[in-house]
Amino acid sequence: SGLFNDQTFDQTKASLMSRAVAKSDIKYVTLLQKNGVDINAPNKKGEYPIFRAVRIGDVKSLEEVVALGASLHHLDSENNTTLHIAATTGNLEKVEYLVGQKVAVTTTNNDGRNALHLAAGKNAVKVAEYLVTKLRENKVDLTAKDKHGQNALDIALEANNQAMIEYLAQHMEPSKESRLRSAVINGYVEDVE
């Protein structure tokens, strides 16, 4: 028996691809592809290269990787899409690109959270503004709660993201419960009807 079995070798190749994609090394990505390495194969941790590109790279690099065949429609182990991941980076340009490439804004992960929920936890206000517009276009209830009973405003309140709290409180018609939590945190209990 050799040093590597076929499965170990395939995982090593996938890990090399993930690293090349994360570094936006298009020449190396192309070389790996010419040698039979699949740009859409997960690495040994089960992560697809595109997720690293979304997390680390810029939009130009992301476009290049997609042009080489990387799919934007993979799900991670928590059922996060590339849009979920982009929302946590706070990079509006990436979020706009992904939505333009038809990554669904309405998809929820295992916790029942859409990209707005995740942006709210990271204080990504510009991303939230864009997502609110897109979610409204898709007739999604902006006050929808995740599996933990929290909506995007609740998540922003929990993270104490003041700019996000102010934006969401003005734009998503929060429930009385969320308004009460916000008022208590900000010391304005008398403002709640």
N, C-alpha and C. Protein backbone atom coordinates (compact mmCIF):
# COMPACT_ATOMS: atom_id res chain seq x y z
N SER A 1 0.84 -1.19 0.00
CA SER A 1 0.00 0.00 0.00
C SER A 1 0.88 1.24 0.00
N GLY A 2 0.43 2.25 -0.71
CA GLY A 2 1.21 3.48 -0.86
C GLY A 2 1.04 4.41 0.31
N LEU A 3 1.69 5.54 0.22
CA LEU A 3 1.63 6.56 1.27
C LEU A 3 0.23 7.14 1.38
N PHE A 4 -0.44 7.34 0.25
CA PHE A 4 -1.79 7.89 0.25
C PHE A 4 -2.75 6.92 -0.41
N ASN A 5 -3.93 6.79 0.16
CA ASN A 5 -4.97 6.06 -0.56
C ASN A 5 -5.69 7.06 -1.47
N ASP A 6 -6.56 6.59 -2.33
CA ASP A 6 -7.23 7.47 -3.29
C ASP A 6 -8.01 8.58 -2.61
N GLN A 7 -8.70 8.26 -1.50
CA GLN A 7 -9.50 9.26 -0.80
C GLN A 7 -8.60 10.36 -0.22
N THR A 8 -7.51 9.98 0.40
CA THR A 8 -6.58 10.96 0.97
C THR A 8 -6.00 11.83 -0.12
N PHE A 9 -5.65 11.25 -1.23
CA PHE A 9 -5.08 12.01 -2.35
C PHE A 9 -6.11 13.00 -2.90
N ASP A 10 -7.37 12.56 -3.05
CA ASP A 10 -8.43 13.46 -3.52
C ASP A 10 -8.64 14.62 -2.55
N GLN A 11 -8.59 14.35 -1.25
CA GLN A 11 -8.76 15.41 -0.26
C GLN A 11 -7.58 16.38 -0.29
N THR A 12 -6.39 15.88 -0.52
CA THR A 12 -5.21 16.75 -0.63
C THR A 12 -5.34 17.65 -1.83
N LYS A 13 -5.78 17.10 -2.96
CA LYS A 13 -5.97 17.92 -4.17
C LYS A 13 -7.03 18.98 -3.92
N ALA A 14 -8.12 18.61 -3.26
CA ALA A 14 -9.19 19.57 -2.97
C ALA A 14 -8.68 20.67 -2.03
N SER A 15 -7.84 20.31 -1.07
CA SER A 15 -7.28 21.32 -0.16
C SER A 15 -6.36 22.29 -0.90
N LEU A 16 -5.58 21.75 -1.85
CA LEU A 16 -4.73 22.62 -2.67
C LEU A 16 -5.58 23.59 -3.48
N MET A 17 -6.68 23.12 -4.02
CA MET A 17 -7.58 23.98 -4.79
C MET A 17 -8.17 25.05 -3.88
N SER A 18 -8.59 24.67 -2.68
CA SER A 18 -9.16 25.65 -1.74
C SER A 18 -8.16 26.75 -1.43
N ARG A 19 -6.92 26.37 -1.20
CA ARG A 19 -5.88 27.37 -0.91
C ARG A 19 -5.63 28.27 -2.11
N ALA A 20 -5.57 27.70 -3.29
CA ALA A 20 -5.34 28.50 -4.50
C ALA A 20 -6.47 29.49 -4.73
N VAL A 21 -7.70 29.04 -4.53
CA VAL A 21 -8.86 29.91 -4.68
C VAL A 21 -8.83 31.01 -3.63
N ALA A 22 -8.54 30.65 -2.38
CA ALA A 22 -8.49 31.65 -1.30
C ALA A 22 -7.44 32.73 -1.56
N LYS A 23 -6.35 32.34 -2.19
CA LYS A 23 -5.28 33.30 -2.49
C LYS A 23 -5.50 34.01 -3.83
N SER A 24 -6.59 33.68 -4.48
CA SER A 24 -6.89 34.25 -5.81
C SER A 24 -5.76 34.00 -6.79
N ASP A 25 -5.14 32.84 -6.67
CA ASP A 25 -4.05 32.46 -7.56
C ASP A 25 -4.64 31.75 -8.77
N ILE A 26 -5.12 32.53 -9.72
CA ILE A 26 -5.84 32.00 -10.87
C ILE A 26 -4.95 31.09 -11.72
N LYS A 27 -3.68 31.42 -11.83
CA LYS A 27 -2.77 30.56 -12.60
C LYS A 27 -2.68 29.17 -11.98
N TYR A 28 -2.57 29.12 -10.66
CA TYR A 28 -2.47 27.83 -9.98
C TYR A 28 -3.80 27.07 -10.04
N VAL A 29 -4.91 27.81 -9.91
CA VAL A 29 -6.23 27.18 -10.05
C VAL A 29 -6.33 26.52 -11.42
N THR A 30 -5.94 27.25 -12.45
CA THR A 30 -5.98 26.73 -13.82
C THR A 30 -5.06 25.51 -13.98
N LEU A 31 -3.86 25.58 -13.40
CA LEU A 31 -2.94 24.44 -13.45
C LEU A 31 -3.54 23.22 -12.77
N LEU A 32 -4.14 23.42 -11.60
CA LEU A 32 -4.78 22.30 -10.90
C LEU A 32 -5.91 21.71 -11.73
N GLN A 33 -6.71 22.58 -12.36
CA GLN A 33 -7.80 22.09 -13.20
C GLN A 33 -7.27 21.27 -14.38
N LYS A 34 -6.19 21.75 -14.99
CA LYS A 34 -5.60 21.02 -16.12
C LYS A 34 -5.11 19.64 -15.70
N ASN A 35 -4.84 19.50 -14.39
CA ASN A 35 -4.37 18.22 -13.86
C ASN A 35 -5.49 17.44 -13.16
N GLY A 36 -6.73 17.78 -13.51
CA GLY A 36 -7.86 17.00 -13.05
C GLY A 36 -8.43 17.32 -11.69
N VAL A 37 -8.03 18.44 -11.09
CA VAL A 37 -8.57 18.81 -9.78
C VAL A 37 -9.86 19.60 -9.99
N ASP A 38 -10.91 19.14 -9.35
CA ASP A 38 -12.25 19.74 -9.48
C ASP A 38 -12.36 20.99 -8.61
N ILE A 39 -12.69 22.11 -9.23
CA ILE A 39 -12.85 23.38 -8.51
C ILE A 39 -14.07 23.35 -7.59
N ASN A 40 -14.94 22.37 -7.77
CA ASN A 40 -16.15 22.27 -6.95
C ASN A 40 -16.10 21.11 -5.95
N ALA A 41 -14.92 20.52 -5.74
CA ALA A 41 -14.80 19.43 -4.77
C ALA A 41 -14.50 20.01 -3.39
N PRO A 42 -15.17 19.50 -2.36
CA PRO A 42 -14.88 20.00 -1.01
C PRO A 42 -13.53 19.49 -0.51
N ASN A 43 -12.91 20.26 0.38
CA ASN A 43 -11.67 19.82 1.00
C ASN A 43 -11.98 18.84 2.13
N LYS A 44 -10.97 18.42 2.87
CA LYS A 44 -11.18 17.40 3.90
C LYS A 44 -12.09 17.87 5.03
N LYS A 45 -12.27 19.18 5.16
CA LYS A 45 -13.18 19.72 6.17
C LYS A 45 -14.60 19.85 5.62
N GLY A 46 -14.77 19.49 4.35
CA GLY A 46 -16.09 19.58 3.73
C GLY A 46 -16.42 20.96 3.19
N GLU A 47 -15.42 21.84 3.14
CA GLU A 47 -15.64 23.21 2.68
C GLU A 47 -15.31 23.32 1.19
N TYR A 48 -16.19 23.97 0.47
CA TYR A 48 -15.96 24.18 -0.96
C TYR A 48 -15.06 25.38 -1.17
N PRO A 49 -14.20 25.34 -2.19
CA PRO A 49 -13.29 26.46 -2.45
C PRO A 49 -13.99 27.81 -2.59
N ILE A 50 -15.20 27.81 -3.15
CA ILE A 50 -15.90 29.07 -3.35
C ILE A 50 -16.16 29.80 -2.04
N PHE A 51 -16.35 29.06 -0.95
CA PHE A 51 -16.59 29.70 0.34
C PHE A 51 -15.37 30.51 0.80
N ARG A 52 -14.19 29.96 0.55
CA ARG A 52 -12.97 30.70 0.91
C ARG A 52 -12.82 31.93 0.04
N ALA A 53 -13.19 31.81 -1.23
CA ALA A 53 -13.12 32.96 -2.13
C ALA A 53 -14.07 34.06 -1.66
N VAL A 54 -15.26 33.68 -1.22
CA VAL A 54 -16.24 34.66 -0.73
C VAL A 54 -15.74 35.30 0.56
N ARG A 55 -15.19 34.51 1.45
CA ARG A 55 -14.72 35.02 2.73
C ARG A 55 -13.50 35.92 2.60
N ILE A 56 -12.56 35.53 1.75
CA ILE A 56 -11.24 36.17 1.74
C ILE A 56 -11.00 37.07 0.54
N GLY A 57 -11.39 36.63 -0.64
CA GLY A 57 -11.06 37.35 -1.87
C GLY A 57 -11.89 38.59 -2.11
N ASP A 58 -11.51 39.33 -3.14
CA ASP A 58 -12.30 40.48 -3.56
C ASP A 58 -13.26 40.03 -4.66
N VAL A 59 -14.10 40.95 -5.12
CA VAL A 59 -15.12 40.59 -6.12
C VAL A 59 -14.48 40.17 -7.43
N LYS A 60 -13.43 40.84 -7.84
CA LYS A 60 -12.77 40.49 -9.10
C LYS A 60 -12.28 39.04 -9.05
N SER A 61 -11.66 38.66 -7.96
CA SER A 61 -11.18 37.28 -7.79
C SER A 61 -12.34 36.30 -7.79
N LEU A 62 -13.42 36.68 -7.14
CA LEU A 62 -14.60 35.84 -7.10
C LEU A 62 -15.15 35.62 -8.52
N GLU A 63 -15.22 36.69 -9.29
CA GLU A 63 -15.68 36.59 -10.68
C GLU A 63 -14.78 35.66 -11.49
N GLU A 64 -13.47 35.77 -11.29
CA GLU A 64 -12.53 34.93 -12.03
C GLU A 64 -12.71 33.45 -11.70
N VAL A 65 -12.90 33.16 -10.43
CA VAL A 65 -13.08 31.77 -9.99
C VAL A 65 -14.39 31.21 -10.55
N VAL A 66 -15.42 32.03 -10.56
CA VAL A 66 -16.70 31.60 -11.13
C VAL A 66 -16.54 31.36 -12.63
N ALA A 67 -15.80 32.23 -13.30
CA ALA A 67 -15.55 32.05 -14.74
C ALA A 67 -14.82 30.75 -15.03
N LEU A 68 -14.06 30.25 -14.05
CA LEU A 68 -13.34 28.98 -14.21
C LEU A 68 -14.21 27.77 -13.83
N GLY A 69 -15.46 28.03 -13.46
CA GLY A 69 -16.38 26.93 -13.21
C GLY A 69 -16.83 26.71 -11.78
N ALA A 70 -16.38 27.56 -10.85
CA ALA A 70 -16.80 27.38 -9.46
C ALA A 70 -18.29 27.71 -9.34
N SER A 71 -19.02 26.83 -8.70
CA SER A 71 -20.44 27.04 -8.48
C SER A 71 -20.67 27.93 -7.27
N LEU A 72 -21.61 28.85 -7.39
CA LEU A 72 -21.99 29.72 -6.28
C LEU A 72 -23.11 29.12 -5.44
N HIS A 73 -23.56 27.93 -5.80
CA HIS A 73 -24.77 27.39 -5.21
C HIS A 73 -24.54 26.20 -4.27
N HIS A 74 -23.33 26.10 -3.72
CA HIS A 74 -23.06 25.07 -2.71
C HIS A 74 -23.61 25.52 -1.36
N LEU A 75 -23.83 24.56 -0.49
CA LEU A 75 -24.22 24.83 0.89
C LEU A 75 -23.15 24.27 1.80
N ASP A 76 -22.87 24.97 2.90
CA ASP A 76 -21.91 24.41 3.86
C ASP A 76 -22.64 23.48 4.82
N SER A 77 -21.96 22.99 5.83
CA SER A 77 -22.54 22.01 6.74
C SER A 77 -23.70 22.56 7.57
N GLU A 78 -23.81 23.89 7.63
CA GLU A 78 -24.92 24.54 8.35
C GLU A 78 -25.99 25.05 7.39
N ASN A 79 -25.87 24.64 6.12
CA ASN A 79 -26.77 25.08 5.05
C ASN A 79 -26.68 26.58 4.77
N ASN A 80 -25.51 27.15 5.03
CA ASN A 80 -25.25 28.53 4.62
C ASN A 80 -24.92 28.55 3.14
N THR A 81 -25.44 29.56 2.46
CA THR A 81 -25.11 29.77 1.05
C THR A 81 -23.91 30.71 0.96
N THR A 82 -23.44 30.92 -0.25
CA THR A 82 -22.38 31.91 -0.44
C THR A 82 -22.86 33.30 -0.02
N LEU A 83 -24.15 33.56 -0.18
CA LEU A 83 -24.70 34.87 0.24
C LEU A 83 -24.68 35.01 1.75
N HIS A 84 -25.00 33.96 2.48
CA HIS A 84 -24.90 34.01 3.95
C HIS A 84 -23.48 34.40 4.35
N ILE A 85 -22.52 33.73 3.73
CA ILE A 85 -21.11 33.98 4.07
C ILE A 85 -20.71 35.40 3.70
N ALA A 86 -21.10 35.85 2.52
CA ALA A 86 -20.77 37.22 2.10
C ALA A 86 -21.39 38.25 3.04
N ALA A 87 -22.60 37.99 3.52
CA ALA A 87 -23.26 38.93 4.43
C ALA A 87 -22.45 39.13 5.71
N THR A 88 -21.77 38.07 6.16
CA THR A 88 -20.97 38.19 7.38
C THR A 88 -19.67 38.95 7.17
N THR A 89 -19.25 39.11 5.90
CA THR A 89 -18.02 39.86 5.63
C THR A 89 -18.26 41.36 5.62
N GLY A 90 -19.53 41.75 5.43
CA GLY A 90 -19.85 43.17 5.35
C GLY A 90 -19.50 43.79 4.02
N ASN A 91 -19.12 42.97 3.05
CA ASN A 91 -18.70 43.49 1.74
C ASN A 91 -19.91 43.57 0.82
N LEU A 92 -20.43 44.79 0.66
CA LEU A 92 -21.62 45.01 -0.14
C LEU A 92 -21.41 44.60 -1.59
N GLU A 93 -20.24 44.86 -2.13
CA GLU A 93 -19.96 44.53 -3.53
C GLU A 93 -20.10 43.02 -3.77
N LYS A 94 -19.61 42.21 -2.83
CA LYS A 94 -19.75 40.75 -2.96
C LYS A 94 -21.22 40.34 -2.88
N VAL A 95 -21.94 40.92 -1.96
CA VAL A 95 -23.35 40.59 -1.79
C VAL A 95 -24.12 40.94 -3.06
N GLU A 96 -23.87 42.12 -3.61
CA GLU A 96 -24.54 42.53 -4.85
C GLU A 96 -24.19 41.59 -6.01
N TYR A 97 -22.94 41.21 -6.09
CA TYR A 97 -22.51 40.28 -7.14
C TYR A 97 -23.25 38.95 -7.03
N LEU A 98 -23.30 38.40 -5.82
CA LEU A 98 -23.94 37.10 -5.62
C LEU A 98 -25.44 37.16 -5.94
N VAL A 99 -26.10 38.21 -5.51
CA VAL A 99 -27.53 38.35 -5.82
C VAL A 99 -27.71 38.49 -7.33
N GLY A 100 -26.80 39.23 -7.97
CA GLY A 100 -26.84 39.37 -9.43
C GLY A 100 -26.62 38.05 -10.14
N GLN A 101 -25.94 37.12 -9.47
CA GLN A 101 -25.70 35.78 -10.03
C GLN A 101 -26.79 34.79 -9.62
N LYS A 102 -27.86 35.31 -9.08
CA LYS A 102 -29.06 34.52 -8.74
C LYS A 102 -28.89 33.61 -7.52
N VAL A 103 -28.01 34.00 -6.58
CA VAL A 103 -27.98 33.29 -5.30
C VAL A 103 -29.18 33.82 -4.51
N ALA A 104 -30.05 32.94 -4.08
CA ALA A 104 -31.33 33.32 -3.48
C ALA A 104 -31.17 34.08 -2.17
N VAL A 105 -31.85 35.22 -2.07
CA VAL A 105 -31.82 36.01 -0.84
C VAL A 105 -32.76 35.44 0.21
N THR A 106 -33.66 34.58 -0.19
CA THR A 106 -34.68 34.06 0.72
C THR A 106 -34.27 32.78 1.45
N THR A 107 -33.15 32.18 1.06
CA THR A 107 -32.72 30.91 1.65
C THR A 107 -32.35 31.09 3.12
N THR A 108 -32.80 30.13 3.93
CA THR A 108 -32.43 30.13 5.35
C THR A 108 -31.52 28.94 5.64
N ASN A 109 -30.67 29.13 6.64
CA ASN A 109 -29.74 28.07 7.03
C ASN A 109 -30.38 27.15 8.08
N ASN A 110 -29.60 26.27 8.68
CA ASN A 110 -30.13 25.33 9.67
C ASN A 110 -30.76 26.02 10.87
N ASP A 111 -30.31 27.24 11.17
CA ASP A 111 -30.88 28.00 12.28
C ASP A 111 -32.10 28.82 11.86
N GLY A 112 -32.50 28.69 10.59
CA GLY A 112 -33.64 29.46 10.10
C GLY A 112 -33.30 30.91 9.82
N ARG A 113 -32.01 31.19 9.63
CA ARG A 113 -31.56 32.56 9.39
C ARG A 113 -31.28 32.79 7.91
N ASN A 114 -31.72 33.95 7.43
CA ASN A 114 -31.35 34.36 6.08
C ASN A 114 -30.14 35.28 6.17
N ALA A 115 -29.69 35.79 5.06
CA ALA A 115 -28.48 36.63 5.05
C ALA A 115 -28.65 37.90 5.89
N LEU A 116 -29.87 38.44 5.95
CA LEU A 116 -30.11 39.64 6.77
C LEU A 116 -29.85 39.35 8.24
N HIS A 117 -30.30 38.22 8.73
CA HIS A 117 -30.03 37.85 10.12
C HIS A 117 -28.52 37.87 10.40
N LEU A 118 -27.74 37.30 9.46
CA LEU A 118 -26.29 37.22 9.68
C LEU A 118 -25.64 38.60 9.57
N ALA A 119 -26.08 39.41 8.64
CA ALA A 119 -25.55 40.78 8.51
C ALA A 119 -25.84 41.57 9.78
N ALA A 120 -27.01 41.36 10.36
CA ALA A 120 -27.40 42.09 11.58
C ALA A 120 -26.45 41.78 12.73
N GLY A 121 -26.00 40.55 12.81
CA GLY A 121 -25.08 40.16 13.88
C GLY A 121 -23.68 40.69 13.69
N LYS A 122 -23.35 41.09 12.47
CA LYS A 122 -22.00 41.58 12.16
C LYS A 122 -21.96 43.10 11.96
N ASN A 123 -23.08 43.78 12.20
CA ASN A 123 -23.17 45.23 12.05
C ASN A 123 -22.84 45.69 10.63
N ALA A 124 -23.22 44.90 9.66
CA ALA A 124 -22.98 45.21 8.25
C ALA A 124 -24.19 46.00 7.72
N VAL A 125 -24.26 47.27 8.08
CA VAL A 125 -25.44 48.08 7.80
C VAL A 125 -25.68 48.25 6.30
N LYS A 126 -24.67 48.55 5.53
CA LYS A 126 -24.84 48.72 4.08
C LYS A 126 -25.36 47.43 3.44
N VAL A 127 -24.86 46.32 3.89
CA VAL A 127 -25.33 45.02 3.40
C VAL A 127 -26.79 44.84 3.81
N ALA A 128 -27.13 45.17 5.05
CA ALA A 128 -28.51 45.04 5.51
C ALA A 128 -29.45 45.92 4.70
N GLU A 129 -29.03 47.14 4.40
CA GLU A 129 -29.87 48.04 3.59
C GLU A 129 -30.19 47.39 2.24
N TYR A 130 -29.19 46.84 1.60
CA TYR A 130 -29.37 46.19 0.31
C TYR A 130 -30.28 44.96 0.44
N LEU A 131 -30.01 44.14 1.46
CA LEU A 131 -30.79 42.91 1.65
C LEU A 131 -32.25 43.21 1.99
N VAL A 132 -32.50 44.25 2.76
CA VAL A 132 -33.88 44.63 3.08
C VAL A 132 -34.63 44.93 1.79
N THR A 133 -34.00 45.67 0.90
CA THR A 133 -34.62 45.99 -0.40
C THR A 133 -34.92 44.71 -1.18
N LYS A 134 -33.94 43.82 -1.26
CA LYS A 134 -34.12 42.58 -2.02
C LYS A 134 -35.15 41.65 -1.37
N LEU A 135 -35.15 41.58 -0.05
CA LEU A 135 -36.12 40.73 0.63
C LEU A 135 -37.54 41.28 0.44
N ARG A 136 -37.68 42.59 0.49
CA ARG A 136 -39.00 43.19 0.22
C ARG A 136 -39.46 42.88 -1.20
N GLU A 137 -38.54 42.95 -2.18
CA GLU A 137 -38.89 42.61 -3.56
C GLU A 137 -39.41 41.18 -3.67
N ASN A 138 -38.91 40.31 -2.79
CA ASN A 138 -39.33 38.90 -2.79
C ASN A 138 -40.45 38.63 -1.79
N LYS A 139 -41.01 39.71 -1.24
CA LYS A 139 -42.14 39.63 -0.32
C LYS A 139 -41.86 38.76 0.91
N VAL A 140 -40.63 38.88 1.41
CA VAL A 140 -40.24 38.14 2.62
C VAL A 140 -40.54 39.01 3.84
N ASP A 141 -41.10 38.41 4.85
CA ASP A 141 -41.40 39.09 6.11
C ASP A 141 -40.07 39.45 6.79
N LEU A 142 -39.80 40.73 6.89
CA LEU A 142 -38.53 41.17 7.49
C LEU A 142 -38.47 40.90 8.99
N THR A 143 -39.62 40.65 9.59
CA THR A 143 -39.63 40.35 11.03
C THR A 143 -39.60 38.85 11.31
N ALA A 144 -39.38 38.05 10.26
CA ALA A 144 -39.35 36.60 10.42
C ALA A 144 -38.32 36.19 11.46
N LYS A 145 -38.71 35.24 12.29
CA LYS A 145 -37.83 34.79 13.36
C LYS A 145 -37.14 33.49 12.97
N ASP A 146 -35.93 33.34 13.49
CA ASP A 146 -35.16 32.12 13.25
C ASP A 146 -35.63 31.04 14.23
N LYS A 147 -34.92 29.91 14.25
CA LYS A 147 -35.31 28.80 15.12
C LYS A 147 -35.11 29.10 16.60
N HIS A 148 -34.43 30.20 16.90
CA HIS A 148 -34.20 30.60 18.29
C HIS A 148 -35.17 31.69 18.71
N GLY A 149 -36.14 31.99 17.83
CA GLY A 149 -37.14 33.01 18.13
C GLY A 149 -36.66 34.44 17.93
N GLN A 150 -35.58 34.63 17.18
CA GLN A 150 -35.02 35.97 16.99
C GLN A 150 -35.18 36.44 15.55
N ASN A 151 -35.53 37.70 15.39
CA ASN A 151 -35.50 38.31 14.06
C ASN A 151 -34.19 39.09 13.93
N ALA A 152 -33.99 39.74 12.81
CA ALA A 152 -32.72 40.45 12.58
C ALA A 152 -32.48 41.53 13.63
N LEU A 153 -33.52 42.24 14.02
CA LEU A 153 -33.37 43.29 15.04
C LEU A 153 -32.96 42.67 16.37
N ASP A 154 -33.57 41.57 16.74
CA ASP A 154 -33.18 40.90 17.99
C ASP A 154 -31.70 40.53 17.98
N ILE A 155 -31.23 40.05 16.83
CA ILE A 155 -29.82 39.65 16.71
C ILE A 155 -28.92 40.88 16.84
N ALA A 156 -29.31 41.99 16.21
CA ALA A 156 -28.53 43.24 16.33
C ALA A 156 -28.53 43.73 17.77
N LEU A 157 -29.67 43.61 18.45
CA LEU A 157 -29.76 44.02 19.86
C LEU A 157 -28.84 43.16 20.72
N GLU A 158 -28.87 41.86 20.49
CA GLU A 158 -28.03 40.95 21.26
C GLU A 158 -26.55 41.27 21.07
N ALA A 159 -26.18 41.65 19.84
CA ALA A 159 -24.79 41.98 19.54
C ALA A 159 -24.45 43.43 19.89
N ASN A 160 -25.45 44.19 20.32
CA ASN A 160 -25.29 45.60 20.66
C ASN A 160 -24.70 46.41 19.50
N ASN A 161 -25.21 46.14 18.32
CA ASN A 161 -24.77 46.86 17.11
C ASN A 161 -25.67 48.07 16.90
N GLN A 162 -25.27 49.21 17.47
CA GLN A 162 -26.13 50.38 17.51
C GLN A 162 -26.57 50.87 16.13
N ALA A 163 -25.65 50.98 15.20
CA ALA A 163 -26.03 51.47 13.86
C ALA A 163 -27.03 50.52 13.21
N MET A 164 -26.84 49.23 13.39
CA MET A 164 -27.76 48.24 12.84
C MET A 164 -29.11 48.32 13.54
N ILE A 165 -29.09 48.47 14.85
CA ILE A 165 -30.34 48.58 15.61
C ILE A 165 -31.15 49.76 15.10
N GLU A 166 -30.50 50.91 14.94
CA GLU A 166 -31.20 52.10 14.46
C GLU A 166 -31.78 51.88 13.07
N TYR A 167 -30.99 51.30 12.18
CA TYR A 167 -31.48 51.08 10.82
C TYR A 167 -32.67 50.11 10.82
N LEU A 168 -32.52 48.96 11.45
CA LEU A 168 -33.58 47.96 11.43
C LEU A 168 -34.84 48.45 12.14
N ALA A 169 -34.67 49.16 13.24
CA ALA A 169 -35.84 49.68 13.96
C ALA A 169 -36.65 50.63 13.07
N GLN A 170 -35.98 51.34 12.19
CA GLN A 170 -36.67 52.28 11.29
C GLN A 170 -37.26 51.60 10.06
N HIS A 171 -36.72 50.47 9.65
CA HIS A 171 -37.08 49.91 8.35
C HIS A 171 -37.78 48.55 8.33
N MET A 172 -37.89 47.89 9.43
CA MET A 172 -38.46 46.55 9.34
C MET A 172 -39.74 46.34 10.12
N GLU A 173 -40.35 47.40 10.61
CA GLU A 173 -41.61 47.28 11.34
C GLU A 173 -41.49 46.20 12.42
N PRO A 174 -40.61 46.44 13.39
CA PRO A 174 -40.35 45.41 14.40
C PRO A 174 -41.57 45.13 15.28
N SER A 175 -41.56 43.95 15.83
CA SER A 175 -42.64 43.55 16.74
C SER A 175 -42.56 44.36 18.03
N LYS A 176 -43.65 44.36 18.76
CA LYS A 176 -43.67 45.08 20.04
C LYS A 176 -42.58 44.53 20.97
N GLU A 177 -42.37 43.23 20.94
CA GLU A 177 -41.34 42.59 21.77
C GLU A 177 -39.95 43.15 21.43
N SER A 178 -39.63 43.27 20.15
CA SER A 178 -38.33 43.81 19.75
C SER A 178 -38.21 45.28 20.12
N ARG A 179 -39.30 46.04 19.94
CA ARG A 179 -39.26 47.47 20.31
C ARG A 179 -39.03 47.61 21.81
N LEU A 180 -39.66 46.76 22.61
CA LEU A 180 -39.50 46.80 24.05
C LEU A 180 -38.05 46.49 24.43
N ARG A 181 -37.47 45.45 23.85
CA ARG A 181 -36.06 45.12 24.13
C ARG A 181 -35.16 46.29 23.78
N SER A 182 -35.40 46.93 22.64
CA SER A 182 -34.60 48.07 22.21
C SER A 182 -34.75 49.24 23.18
N ALA A 183 -35.97 49.49 23.60
CA ALA A 183 -36.22 50.60 24.53
C ALA A 183 -35.54 50.36 25.87
N VAL A 184 -35.61 49.14 26.36
CA VAL A 184 -34.97 48.80 27.65
C VAL A 184 -33.46 48.97 27.54
N ILE A 185 -32.87 48.44 26.47
CA ILE A 185 -31.42 48.55 26.28
C ILE A 185 -30.99 50.01 26.20
N ASN A 186 -31.81 50.83 25.55
CA ASN A 186 -31.45 52.24 25.37
C ASN A 186 -32.01 53.15 26.46
N GLY A 187 -32.71 52.58 27.47
CA GLY A 187 -33.22 53.37 28.59
C GLY A 187 -34.46 54.18 28.29
N TYR A 188 -35.26 53.76 27.32
CA TYR A 188 -36.45 54.51 26.92
C TYR A 188 -37.71 53.67 27.06
N VAL A 189 -37.92 53.08 28.21
CA VAL A 189 -39.05 52.18 28.43
C VAL A 189 -40.37 52.89 28.17
N GLU A 190 -40.47 54.18 28.53
CA GLU A 190 -41.73 54.92 28.35
C GLU A 190 -42.10 55.12 26.89
N ASP A 191 -41.18 54.90 25.96
CA ASP A 191 -41.45 55.09 24.53
C ASP A 191 -42.21 53.93 23.90
N VAL A 192 -42.31 52.82 24.59
CA VAL A 192 -43.00 51.65 24.03
C VAL A 192 -44.48 51.77 24.35
N GLU A 193 -45.31 51.63 23.33
CA GLU A 193 -46.78 51.73 23.51
C GLU A 193 -47.29 50.64 24.41
